Amino acid sequence: MDTNKIILIDNEGNEEEFYIEEQTRVYGKNYILVSTAQEGDAEALILKDISEDSNEEAAYVPVDDESELAAVMKIFEEMLDDIDIQ
């Protein structure tokens, strides 16, 4: 997958740029793995799409449930065998 740029807006209206490293769908939910930089060491987040199918724009939130995070992290690690997610 080509690395694409995404701009996320927090609840306070602040914009932050991320790079989409990979995406997957688990039990009907879409997840994306994003990073703060295209190369080298970067901060990474796993985000879950919580938007309704009828919405034009996606609404993403960080995955904060420990078991959900571990399961999705394992999938991304298998998809991207050249990276180490911590």
Protein backbone atom coordinates (compact mmCIF):
# COMPACT_ATOMS: atom_id res chain seq x y z
CA MET A 1 0.00 0.00 0.00
CA ASP A 2 1.30 3.45 -0.85
CA THR A 3 1.69 5.63 2.18
CA ASN A 4 -1.04 8.28 2.11
CA LYS A 5 -1.30 11.41 4.16
CA ILE A 6 -4.30 12.11 6.39
CA ILE A 7 -5.14 15.14 8.48
CA LEU A 8 -6.96 14.46 11.72
CA ILE A 9 -8.80 17.14 13.65
CA ASP A 10 -9.15 16.74 17.41
CA ASN A 11 -12.10 17.88 19.53
CA GLU A 12 -10.48 21.29 20.00
CA GLY A 13 -10.11 21.89 16.25
CA ASN A 14 -6.34 21.27 16.12
CA GLU A 15 -5.09 19.61 12.95
CA GLU A 16 -2.37 16.97 12.94
CA GLU A 17 -0.87 15.27 9.91
CA PHE A 18 -0.34 11.50 9.86
CA TYR A 19 0.71 8.93 7.30
CA ILE A 20 -1.47 5.88 6.72
CA GLU A 21 0.81 2.86 6.86
CA GLU A 22 -1.83 0.13 6.53
CA GLN A 23 -5.52 -0.53 6.93
CA THR A 24 -7.64 -3.55 7.77
CA ARG A 25 -11.21 -4.56 8.55
CA VAL A 26 -11.97 -6.75 11.58
CA TYR A 27 -15.50 -7.85 12.56
CA GLY A 28 -17.02 -5.18 10.33
CA LYS A 29 -14.92 -2.32 11.72
CA ASN A 30 -12.24 -0.45 9.76
CA TYR A 31 -8.87 0.22 11.39
CA ILE A 32 -5.89 2.22 10.18
CA LEU A 33 -2.31 2.24 11.36
CA VAL A 34 -0.94 5.77 11.16
CA SER A 35 2.48 7.25 11.91
CA THR A 36 3.87 10.72 12.45
CA ALA A 37 6.66 10.29 9.87
CA GLN A 38 7.09 8.36 6.64
CA GLU A 39 10.53 7.00 7.47
CA GLY A 40 12.65 6.23 10.50
CA ASP A 41 11.41 6.15 14.06
CA ALA A 42 7.93 7.58 14.41
CA GLU A 43 5.03 7.57 16.79
CA ALA A 44 2.27 5.20 15.67
CA LEU A 45 -1.42 4.98 16.47
CA ILE A 46 -4.09 2.46 15.66
CA LEU A 47 -7.36 4.21 14.93
CA LYS A 48 -10.86 2.80 14.57
CA ASP A 49 -13.46 4.22 12.18
CA ILE A 50 -16.59 4.99 14.20
CA SER A 51 -18.50 6.80 11.45
CA GLU A 52 -21.82 5.62 10.09
CA ASP A 53 -21.94 4.24 6.55
CA SER A 54 -24.02 7.24 5.47
CA ASN A 55 -21.33 9.77 6.56
CA GLU A 56 -19.22 11.34 3.82
CA GLU A 57 -16.18 11.70 6.08
CA ALA A 58 -14.71 9.08 8.36
CA ALA A 59 -14.50 9.67 12.10
CA TYR A 60 -11.51 7.96 13.73
CA VAL A 61 -10.72 7.44 17.40
CA PRO A 62 -7.67 5.82 18.98
CA VAL A 63 -8.23 2.21 20.05
CA ASP A 64 -8.05 2.28 23.83
CA ASP A 65 -9.47 -1.13 24.78
CA GLU A 66 -6.41 -3.26 25.64
CA SER A 67 -7.70 -6.55 24.18
CA GLU A 68 -8.97 -4.88 21.00
CA LEU A 69 -5.68 -3.01 20.62
CA ALA A 70 -3.62 -6.19 21.08
CA ALA A 71 -5.69 -8.10 18.51
CA VAL A 72 -5.52 -5.37 15.85
CA MET A 73 -1.83 -4.71 16.57
CA LYS A 74 -1.06 -8.37 15.92
CA ILE A 75 -2.84 -8.19 12.55
CA PHE A 76 -0.87 -5.09 11.54
CA GLU A 77 2.41 -6.69 12.66
CA GLU A 78 1.66 -9.70 10.44
CA MET A 79 0.76 -7.45 7.51
CA LEU A 80 3.92 -5.36 7.93
CA ASP A 81 6.56 -7.89 8.85
CA ASP A 82 9.36 -5.32 8.48
CA ILE A 83 8.19 -3.09 11.35
CA ASP A 84 8.00 -3.47 15.10
CA ILE A 85 4.96 -1.91 16.76
CA GLN A 86 5.39 -1.13 20.44
